[in-house]
Structure formats: C-alpha cells, structure tokens
Amino acid sequence: NYFDKSKLFIFCGGPTFDIMFPVAKAILDSEAYKSMHKFFKLFDDYLNKGKINRSLLPEIKYFKSLLSQYGLRNIREERLLELKDKIFAISLIKDKVVPPESVINTLNGSQKKIPIRTMITDFPYNYSHETPFPVDKNQREIVNVNFENIFGLASSFLV
C-alpha cells in the first residue's frame, strides 16, 4: 500500500473537532465555522440520499469519526489502535484552542487504552496556539531552543 510507511506528527492538534475551540479570527472565524457545520449537514444529506460514491464509505466514516468525540467512537478508536505506532502528538499546556486534555481524550481513547505517544509540554515564555514560537528579540534564544526541541522530536519520530 502507498501509505504503509507513513507517519503522522501532530503539534497543537489531534482532538475531535467538537472538543476544540477554533473560533478565532486567525484560525476559523464564526462565519467559516457556521459554513463548515452547514457543509457537514449537507454532506450527511447527500450521503443518506446515495449521492456520494459508496466506495468512499470507509474514509468517510473515518473522517466523520473525527468530528465528534461521541460519534462513531468505536470506528475512530479501532482505527487509532491500528495506527498507534504511526502517530505522535505534542500539546502545549497553555493552548486554549486545542487543550491537551482533548488531544489525550481523542488519541488515547475514551478508556485511555490506545498507546499513541502523546506529550504535553510548556514553554518558559508567553505563547498561544496561534504563536507558539513568538518573534521577540528579547527571548529569541529560548524560543529557538524550544522550536528546535519540538521539531527535533518530530524529526526523530518521522525518520
């Protein structure tokens, strides 16, 4: 299979959509959020009316399982268990958009029995989801060290 050796590194992401807080101008404004929900409803309608190719059903189910922590949980958790060695996620303690608990609740499963590698870390400077590595000449060195640490972990995992 084409993707047999693929891996996924996630930084500040990973939960189901319903336990994220993406409504911020820099991420997803309220109009885009409404449009996205409208799309998902319309998508369901098309799926139910048979207007979408049924051969795509497994992929559609995997996608839909990532929208709600309760919807299609068994499908999501079975698939994550299959992919457990191919995923590594790092979350930030002060991330308000993608709280670390939401990443763990999704990737490690409702019973915390999916052994996907997850890590929660913090930086010794002010940061946000949108700007985890701020450009600040007074903190350039520590920001660069943290950037290199995070993406060093990513590189080691992905190689």
N, C-alpha and C. Protein backbone atom coordinates (compact mmCIF):
# COMPACT_ATOMS: atom_id res chain seq x y z
N ASN A 1 0.84 -1.19 0.00
CA ASN A 1 0.00 0.00 0.00
C ASN A 1 0.88 1.25 0.00
N TYR A 2 0.43 2.27 -0.66
CA TYR A 2 1.19 3.50 -0.83
C TYR A 2 1.56 4.17 0.49
N PHE A 3 0.68 4.10 1.48
CA PHE A 3 0.91 4.80 2.74
C PHE A 3 1.37 3.89 3.88
N ASP A 4 1.78 2.68 3.60
CA ASP A 4 2.17 1.73 4.64
C ASP A 4 3.24 2.26 5.59
N LYS A 5 4.17 3.04 5.09
CA LYS A 5 5.27 3.53 5.92
C LYS A 5 5.06 4.96 6.41
N SER A 6 3.88 5.49 6.16
CA SER A 6 3.59 6.87 6.56
C SER A 6 3.48 7.00 8.07
N LYS A 7 3.84 8.18 8.56
CA LYS A 7 3.69 8.51 9.97
C LYS A 7 3.08 9.90 10.07
N LEU A 8 2.55 10.20 11.24
CA LEU A 8 1.92 11.50 11.47
C LEU A 8 2.46 12.12 12.75
N PHE A 9 3.02 13.30 12.63
CA PHE A 9 3.42 14.09 13.79
C PHE A 9 2.42 15.23 13.89
N ILE A 10 1.85 15.41 15.08
CA ILE A 10 0.85 16.45 15.31
C ILE A 10 1.37 17.41 16.37
N PHE A 11 1.38 18.68 16.05
CA PHE A 11 1.77 19.70 17.02
C PHE A 11 0.59 20.63 17.21
N CYS A 12 0.11 20.71 18.45
CA CYS A 12 -1.04 21.56 18.79
C CYS A 12 -2.28 21.14 18.00
N GLY A 13 -2.54 19.86 17.93
CA GLY A 13 -3.71 19.34 17.22
C GLY A 13 -3.99 17.91 17.64
N GLY A 14 -5.05 17.34 17.05
CA GLY A 14 -5.32 15.94 17.29
C GLY A 14 -6.67 15.57 17.86
N PRO A 15 -7.42 16.50 18.46
CA PRO A 15 -8.69 16.08 19.04
C PRO A 15 -9.82 16.06 18.01
N THR A 16 -10.95 15.47 18.41
CA THR A 16 -12.14 15.59 17.57
C THR A 16 -12.53 17.06 17.53
N PHE A 17 -13.21 17.42 16.46
CA PHE A 17 -13.50 18.83 16.22
C PHE A 17 -14.35 19.46 17.32
N ASP A 18 -15.25 18.68 17.90
CA ASP A 18 -16.17 19.24 18.89
C ASP A 18 -15.51 19.59 20.22
N ILE A 19 -14.30 19.11 20.48
CA ILE A 19 -13.63 19.46 21.73
C ILE A 19 -12.41 20.34 21.49
N MET A 20 -12.47 21.04 20.36
CA MET A 20 -11.50 22.10 20.07
C MET A 20 -12.25 23.43 20.18
N PHE A 21 -11.52 24.49 20.25
CA PHE A 21 -12.12 25.82 20.33
C PHE A 21 -11.48 26.70 19.24
N PRO A 22 -11.81 26.40 17.96
CA PRO A 22 -11.10 27.05 16.86
C PRO A 22 -11.63 28.42 16.45
N VAL A 23 -12.66 28.92 17.13
CA VAL A 23 -13.23 30.19 16.68
C VAL A 23 -12.36 31.34 17.15
N ALA A 24 -11.50 31.75 16.26
CA ALA A 24 -10.63 32.91 16.45
C ALA A 24 -10.31 33.40 15.04
N LYS A 25 -10.21 34.69 14.87
CA LYS A 25 -10.01 35.23 13.51
C LYS A 25 -8.82 34.59 12.79
N ALA A 26 -7.77 34.30 13.52
CA ALA A 26 -6.57 33.74 12.89
C ALA A 26 -6.72 32.27 12.52
N ILE A 27 -7.74 31.61 13.06
CA ILE A 27 -7.90 30.18 12.82
C ILE A 27 -9.16 29.90 12.00
N LEU A 28 -10.29 30.22 12.58
CA LEU A 28 -11.57 29.93 11.93
C LEU A 28 -12.57 30.93 12.48
N ASP A 29 -12.94 31.92 11.69
CA ASP A 29 -13.88 32.92 12.21
C ASP A 29 -15.28 32.32 12.29
N SER A 30 -16.19 33.03 12.94
CA SER A 30 -17.52 32.48 13.21
C SER A 30 -18.28 32.17 11.92
N GLU A 31 -18.09 32.96 10.87
CA GLU A 31 -18.76 32.69 9.59
C GLU A 31 -18.26 31.39 8.98
N ALA A 32 -16.96 31.19 9.01
CA ALA A 32 -16.38 29.95 8.47
C ALA A 32 -16.85 28.75 9.30
N TYR A 33 -16.95 28.93 10.60
CA TYR A 33 -17.41 27.87 11.49
C TYR A 33 -18.84 27.47 11.13
N LYS A 34 -19.71 28.46 10.93
CA LYS A 34 -21.11 28.20 10.54
C LYS A 34 -21.16 27.49 9.19
N SER A 35 -20.37 27.97 8.25
CA SER A 35 -20.34 27.36 6.91
C SER A 35 -19.88 25.91 6.97
N MET A 36 -18.92 25.65 7.82
CA MET A 36 -18.41 24.29 7.94
C MET A 36 -19.50 23.36 8.50
N HIS A 37 -20.21 23.82 9.51
CA HIS A 37 -21.29 23.00 10.06
C HIS A 37 -22.39 22.78 9.03
N LYS A 38 -22.69 23.79 8.24
CA LYS A 38 -23.68 23.67 7.17
C LYS A 38 -23.22 22.62 6.16
N PHE A 39 -21.92 22.66 5.81
CA PHE A 39 -21.36 21.68 4.89
C PHE A 39 -21.53 20.26 5.43
N PHE A 40 -21.22 20.04 6.70
CA PHE A 40 -21.33 18.70 7.27
C PHE A 40 -22.76 18.20 7.24
N LYS A 41 -23.72 19.08 7.49
CA LYS A 41 -25.13 18.69 7.44
C LYS A 41 -25.50 18.32 6.01
N LEU A 42 -25.12 19.15 5.05
CA LEU A 42 -25.39 18.89 3.64
C LEU A 42 -24.71 17.60 3.19
N PHE A 43 -23.50 17.39 3.65
CA PHE A 43 -22.75 16.18 3.34
C PHE A 43 -23.52 14.95 3.81
N ASP A 44 -24.03 14.98 5.04
CA ASP A 44 -24.84 13.87 5.57
C ASP A 44 -26.08 13.64 4.72
N ASP A 45 -26.73 14.73 4.32
CA ASP A 45 -27.92 14.60 3.48
C ASP A 45 -27.58 13.90 2.16
N TYR A 46 -26.51 14.32 1.53
CA TYR A 46 -26.08 13.70 0.27
C TYR A 46 -25.72 12.23 0.48
N LEU A 47 -25.05 11.94 1.57
CA LEU A 47 -24.67 10.57 1.87
C LEU A 47 -25.91 9.70 2.06
N ASN A 48 -26.86 10.21 2.83
CA ASN A 48 -28.09 9.46 3.10
C ASN A 48 -28.94 9.26 1.85
N LYS A 49 -28.86 10.17 0.90
CA LYS A 49 -29.63 10.07 -0.34
C LYS A 49 -28.89 9.29 -1.42
N GLY A 50 -27.71 8.77 -1.10
CA GLY A 50 -26.95 7.97 -2.05
C GLY A 50 -26.28 8.77 -3.15
N LYS A 51 -26.06 10.06 -2.92
CA LYS A 51 -25.45 10.91 -3.94
C LYS A 51 -23.92 10.93 -3.84
N ILE A 52 -23.37 10.15 -2.92
CA ILE A 52 -21.91 10.08 -2.77
C ILE A 52 -21.50 8.63 -3.01
N ASN A 53 -20.43 8.45 -3.74
CA ASN A 53 -19.92 7.13 -4.09
C ASN A 53 -19.69 6.29 -2.83
N ARG A 54 -20.37 5.16 -2.75
CA ARG A 54 -20.29 4.28 -1.57
C ARG A 54 -18.91 3.65 -1.38
N SER A 55 -18.11 3.60 -2.43
CA SER A 55 -16.77 3.01 -2.27
C SER A 55 -15.89 3.87 -1.36
N LEU A 56 -16.31 5.11 -1.15
CA LEU A 56 -15.57 6.01 -0.26
C LEU A 56 -16.01 5.88 1.19
N LEU A 57 -16.96 5.00 1.46
CA LEU A 57 -17.56 4.91 2.79
C LEU A 57 -16.57 4.73 3.93
N PRO A 58 -15.56 3.84 3.84
CA PRO A 58 -14.63 3.73 4.98
C PRO A 58 -13.93 5.05 5.30
N GLU A 59 -13.44 5.73 4.28
CA GLU A 59 -12.75 7.00 4.50
C GLU A 59 -13.71 8.06 5.05
N ILE A 60 -14.94 8.04 4.55
CA ILE A 60 -15.95 8.99 5.04
C ILE A 60 -16.21 8.73 6.52
N LYS A 61 -16.33 7.47 6.89
CA LYS A 61 -16.58 7.14 8.31
C LYS A 61 -15.41 7.57 9.19
N TYR A 62 -14.18 7.36 8.71
CA TYR A 62 -13.02 7.79 9.50
C TYR A 62 -13.04 9.31 9.68
N PHE A 63 -13.33 10.01 8.60
CA PHE A 63 -13.41 11.47 8.67
C PHE A 63 -14.50 11.91 9.65
N LYS A 64 -15.68 11.34 9.50
CA LYS A 64 -16.80 11.73 10.37
C LYS A 64 -16.54 11.37 11.83
N SER A 65 -15.76 10.32 12.06
CA SER A 65 -15.47 9.92 13.44
C SER A 65 -14.61 10.96 14.16
N LEU A 66 -13.98 11.85 13.39
CA LEU A 66 -13.13 12.89 13.98
C LEU A 66 -13.88 14.20 14.23
N LEU A 67 -15.16 14.22 13.93
CA LEU A 67 -15.94 15.44 14.14
C LEU A 67 -16.49 15.52 15.56
N SER A 68 -16.87 14.38 16.13
CA SER A 68 -17.48 14.38 17.46
C SER A 68 -16.86 13.28 18.31
N GLN A 69 -16.59 13.61 19.57
CA GLN A 69 -15.99 12.61 20.45
C GLN A 69 -16.92 11.43 20.70
N TYR A 70 -18.23 11.62 20.51
CA TYR A 70 -19.18 10.54 20.75
C TYR A 70 -19.60 9.84 19.47
N GLY A 71 -19.57 10.55 18.34
CA GLY A 71 -20.00 9.96 17.08
C GLY A 71 -18.97 8.99 16.53
N LEU A 72 -19.42 7.81 16.19
CA LEU A 72 -18.56 6.79 15.58
C LEU A 72 -17.29 6.52 16.39
N ARG A 73 -17.42 6.60 17.70
CA ARG A 73 -16.26 6.41 18.59
C ARG A 73 -15.56 5.07 18.36
N ASN A 74 -16.35 4.00 18.23
CA ASN A 74 -15.73 2.68 18.05
C ASN A 74 -14.90 2.62 16.77
N ILE A 75 -15.44 3.20 15.70
CA ILE A 75 -14.69 3.21 14.43
C ILE A 75 -13.40 3.99 14.59
N ARG A 76 -13.49 5.18 15.21
CA ARG A 76 -12.30 6.02 15.41
C ARG A 76 -11.27 5.29 16.26
N GLU A 77 -11.70 4.74 17.39
CA GLU A 77 -10.76 4.12 18.31
C GLU A 77 -10.15 2.83 17.75
N GLU A 78 -10.92 2.07 16.98
CA GLU A 78 -10.35 0.89 16.33
C GLU A 78 -9.27 1.30 15.33
N ARG A 79 -9.55 2.35 14.57
CA ARG A 79 -8.58 2.81 13.57
C ARG A 79 -7.33 3.40 14.23
N LEU A 80 -7.52 4.18 15.29
CA LEU A 80 -6.38 4.74 16.00
C LEU A 80 -5.52 3.64 16.61
N LEU A 81 -6.15 2.59 17.10
CA LEU A 81 -5.39 1.46 17.65
C LEU A 81 -4.54 0.81 16.56
N GLU A 82 -5.09 0.70 15.35
CA GLU A 82 -4.32 0.16 14.22
C GLU A 82 -3.11 1.05 13.89
N LEU A 83 -3.27 2.35 14.07
CA LEU A 83 -2.24 3.32 13.68
C LEU A 83 -1.36 3.77 14.85
N LYS A 84 -1.50 3.13 15.99
CA LYS A 84 -0.88 3.60 17.24
C LYS A 84 0.62 3.89 17.14
N ASP A 85 1.35 3.11 16.38
CA ASP A 85 2.79 3.31 16.28
C ASP A 85 3.18 4.34 15.23
N LYS A 86 2.20 4.88 14.54
CA LYS A 86 2.47 5.81 13.44
C LYS A 86 2.09 7.24 13.77
N ILE A 87 1.68 7.48 15.01
CA ILE A 87 1.22 8.82 15.40
C ILE A 87 1.96 9.28 16.65
N PHE A 88 2.35 10.53 16.67
CA PHE A 88 2.97 11.17 17.83
C PHE A 88 2.43 12.59 17.90
N ALA A 89 1.90 12.97 19.05
CA ALA A 89 1.31 14.30 19.20
C ALA A 89 1.93 15.03 20.39
N ILE A 90 2.23 16.30 20.18
CA ILE A 90 2.72 17.17 21.25
C ILE A 90 1.73 18.31 21.43
N SER A 91 1.31 18.50 22.68
CA SER A 91 0.38 19.58 23.03
C SER A 91 1.06 20.56 23.97
N LEU A 92 0.53 21.76 24.00
CA LEU A 92 1.05 22.80 24.89
C LEU A 92 0.07 23.07 26.03
N ILE A 93 0.59 23.15 27.24
CA ILE A 93 -0.24 23.34 28.43
C ILE A 93 -1.18 24.52 28.30
N LYS A 94 -0.69 25.64 27.78
CA LYS A 94 -1.50 26.87 27.73
C LYS A 94 -2.28 27.03 26.43
N ASP A 95 -2.38 25.98 25.63
CA ASP A 95 -3.13 26.06 24.38
C ASP A 95 -4.62 26.11 24.69
N LYS A 96 -5.26 27.20 24.31
CA LYS A 96 -6.70 27.38 24.56
C LYS A 96 -7.54 26.88 23.39
N VAL A 97 -6.95 26.75 22.21
CA VAL A 97 -7.67 26.29 21.03
C VAL A 97 -7.76 24.77 21.02
N VAL A 98 -6.65 24.12 21.30
CA VAL A 98 -6.58 22.66 21.33
C VAL A 98 -6.01 22.27 22.69
N PRO A 99 -6.88 22.22 23.71
CA PRO A 99 -6.40 21.86 25.05
C PRO A 99 -5.79 20.45 25.07
N PRO A 100 -4.70 20.28 25.81
CA PRO A 100 -4.03 18.98 25.86
C PRO A 100 -4.95 17.82 26.24
N GLU A 101 -5.88 18.08 27.15
CA GLU A 101 -6.80 17.01 27.57
C GLU A 101 -7.62 16.50 26.40
N SER A 102 -7.99 17.41 25.49
CA SER A 102 -8.80 17.00 24.35
C SER A 102 -8.00 16.11 23.39
N VAL A 103 -6.71 16.37 23.28
CA VAL A 103 -5.84 15.54 22.44
C VAL A 103 -5.74 14.14 23.04
N ILE A 104 -5.50 14.08 24.33
CA ILE A 104 -5.38 12.78 25.01
C ILE A 104 -6.69 12.02 24.95
N ASN A 105 -7.81 12.72 25.19
CA ASN A 105 -9.12 12.06 25.15
C ASN A 105 -9.41 11.46 23.78
N THR A 106 -8.93 12.09 22.74
CA THR A 106 -9.15 11.57 21.39
C THR A 106 -8.13 10.49 21.03
N LEU A 107 -6.87 10.82 21.10
CA LEU A 107 -5.84 9.91 20.59
C LEU A 107 -5.60 8.69 21.48
N ASN A 108 -5.75 8.84 22.79
CA ASN A 108 -5.55 7.69 23.67
C ASN A 108 -6.85 6.96 23.96
N GLY A 109 -7.97 7.48 23.45
CA GLY A 109 -9.25 6.80 23.55
C GLY A 109 -10.01 7.08 24.82
N SER A 110 -11.29 6.74 24.78
CA SER A 110 -12.18 7.02 25.91
C SER A 110 -11.77 6.28 27.17
N GLN A 111 -11.14 5.13 27.02
CA GLN A 111 -10.67 4.35 28.17
C GLN A 111 -9.17 4.51 28.40
N LYS A 112 -8.53 5.39 27.63
CA LYS A 112 -7.07 5.65 27.70
C LYS A 112 -6.26 4.37 27.46
N LYS A 113 -6.76 3.52 26.56
CA LYS A 113 -6.09 2.25 26.28
C LYS A 113 -5.41 2.21 24.91
N ILE A 114 -5.43 3.33 24.19
CA ILE A 114 -4.75 3.37 22.90
C ILE A 114 -3.36 3.97 23.15
N PRO A 115 -2.30 3.18 22.96
CA PRO A 115 -0.96 3.65 23.32
C PRO A 115 -0.29 4.56 22.28
N ILE A 116 -1.03 5.55 21.81
CA ILE A 116 -0.42 6.54 20.92
C ILE A 116 0.44 7.45 21.78
N ARG A 117 1.62 7.74 21.29
CA ARG A 117 2.56 8.61 22.02
C ARG A 117 2.03 10.04 22.02
N THR A 118 1.74 10.53 23.21
CA THR A 118 1.31 11.92 23.37
C THR A 118 2.20 12.57 24.41
N MET A 119 2.46 13.84 24.23
CA MET A 119 3.34 14.56 25.15
C MET A 119 2.75 15.94 25.37
N ILE A 120 2.74 16.37 26.62
CA ILE A 120 2.29 17.72 26.97
C ILE A 120 3.51 18.47 27.48
N THR A 121 3.72 19.66 26.96
CA THR A 121 4.88 20.45 27.37
C THR A 121 4.46 21.90 27.57
N ASP A 122 5.39 22.67 28.08
CA ASP A 122 5.16 24.09 28.32
C ASP A 122 6.44 24.83 27.95
N PHE A 123 6.30 26.08 27.65
CA PHE A 123 7.45 26.91 27.33
C PHE A 123 7.59 27.99 28.39
N PRO A 124 8.82 28.43 28.69
CA PRO A 124 9.04 29.45 29.72
C PRO A 124 8.89 30.88 29.19
N TYR A 125 7.91 31.07 28.33
CA TYR A 125 7.62 32.41 27.81
C TYR A 125 6.14 32.43 27.42
N ASN A 126 5.61 33.61 27.16
CA ASN A 126 4.21 33.73 26.74
C ASN A 126 4.06 33.25 25.30
N TYR A 127 3.07 32.42 25.09
CA TYR A 127 2.79 31.89 23.76
C TYR A 127 1.29 31.62 23.65
N SER A 128 0.86 31.29 22.47
CA SER A 128 -0.53 30.92 22.25
C SER A 128 -0.55 29.81 21.20
N HIS A 129 -1.72 29.27 20.94
CA HIS A 129 -1.87 28.27 19.89
C HIS A 129 -1.42 28.84 18.55
N GLU A 130 -1.85 30.07 18.30
CA GLU A 130 -1.53 30.71 17.03
C GLU A 130 -0.05 31.07 16.90
N THR A 131 0.60 31.35 18.02
CA THR A 131 2.00 31.78 18.00
C THR A 131 2.79 31.05 19.09
N PRO A 132 3.08 29.77 18.87
CA PRO A 132 3.83 29.02 19.89
C PRO A 132 5.30 29.43 19.97
N PHE A 133 5.80 30.02 18.89
CA PHE A 133 7.20 30.44 18.84
C PHE A 133 7.23 31.92 18.44
N PRO A 134 6.90 32.80 19.39
CA PRO A 134 6.79 34.23 19.05
C PRO A 134 8.13 34.85 18.66
N VAL A 135 8.03 35.82 17.79
CA VAL A 135 9.22 36.57 17.37
C VAL A 135 9.40 37.70 18.38
N ASP A 136 10.40 37.54 19.22
CA ASP A 136 10.68 38.51 20.27
C ASP A 136 12.19 38.53 20.46
N LYS A 137 12.80 39.63 20.09
CA LYS A 137 14.27 39.68 20.14
C LYS A 137 14.81 39.47 21.54
N ASN A 138 14.02 39.77 22.58
CA ASN A 138 14.48 39.58 23.95
C ASN A 138 14.44 38.12 24.38
N GLN A 139 13.66 37.30 23.66
CA GLN A 139 13.55 35.89 24.02
C GLN A 139 13.94 34.97 22.87
N ARG A 140 14.63 35.50 21.91
CA ARG A 140 14.96 34.75 20.70
C ARG A 140 15.64 33.42 21.02
N GLU A 141 16.60 33.43 21.92
CA GLU A 141 17.37 32.21 22.20
C GLU A 141 16.49 31.11 22.78
N ILE A 142 15.69 31.42 23.79
CA ILE A 142 14.85 30.39 24.42
C ILE A 142 13.75 29.92 23.47
N VAL A 143 13.22 30.81 22.67
CA VAL A 143 12.21 30.42 21.68
C VAL A 143 12.84 29.47 20.66
N ASN A 144 14.02 29.80 20.18
CA ASN A 144 14.71 28.94 19.22
C ASN A 144 15.03 27.57 19.81
N VAL A 145 15.45 27.54 21.07
CA VAL A 145 15.74 26.26 21.73
C VAL A 145 14.48 25.39 21.77
N ASN A 146 13.35 25.99 22.14
CA ASN A 146 12.11 25.22 22.21
C ASN A 146 11.65 24.77 20.83
N PHE A 147 11.79 25.63 19.84
CA PHE A 147 11.46 25.25 18.47
C PHE A 147 12.30 24.04 18.04
N GLU A 148 13.60 24.13 18.26
CA GLU A 148 14.49 23.04 17.88
C GLU A 148 14.18 21.76 18.64
N ASN A 149 13.82 21.88 19.92
CA ASN A 149 13.46 20.69 20.70
C ASN A 149 12.22 20.01 20.13
N ILE A 150 11.18 20.79 19.87
CA ILE A 150 9.93 20.22 19.35
C ILE A 150 10.15 19.55 18.00
N PHE A 151 10.79 20.27 17.10
CA PHE A 151 10.94 19.71 15.76
C PHE A 151 12.08 18.71 15.65
N GLY A 152 12.95 18.68 16.65
CA GLY A 152 13.91 17.59 16.76
C GLY A 152 13.19 16.30 17.11
N LEU A 153 12.24 16.38 18.05
CA LEU A 153 11.42 15.22 18.40
C LEU A 153 10.62 14.75 17.18
N ALA A 154 10.05 15.72 16.47
CA ALA A 154 9.27 15.38 15.27
C ALA A 154 10.15 14.66 14.25
N SER A 155 11.32 15.21 14.00
CA SER A 155 12.23 14.62 13.01
C SER A 155 12.64 13.21 13.41
N SER A 156 12.98 13.03 14.67
CA SER A 156 13.38 11.70 15.15
C SER A 156 12.26 10.69 14.97
N PHE A 157 11.04 11.12 15.23
CA PHE A 157 9.89 10.22 15.09
C PHE A 157 9.62 9.88 13.62
N LEU A 158 9.70 10.87 12.78
CA LEU A 158 9.31 10.68 11.38
C LEU A 158 10.35 9.95 10.54
N VAL A 159 11.60 9.95 10.99
CA VAL A 159 12.66 9.31 10.20
C VAL A 159 12.66 7.81 10.41
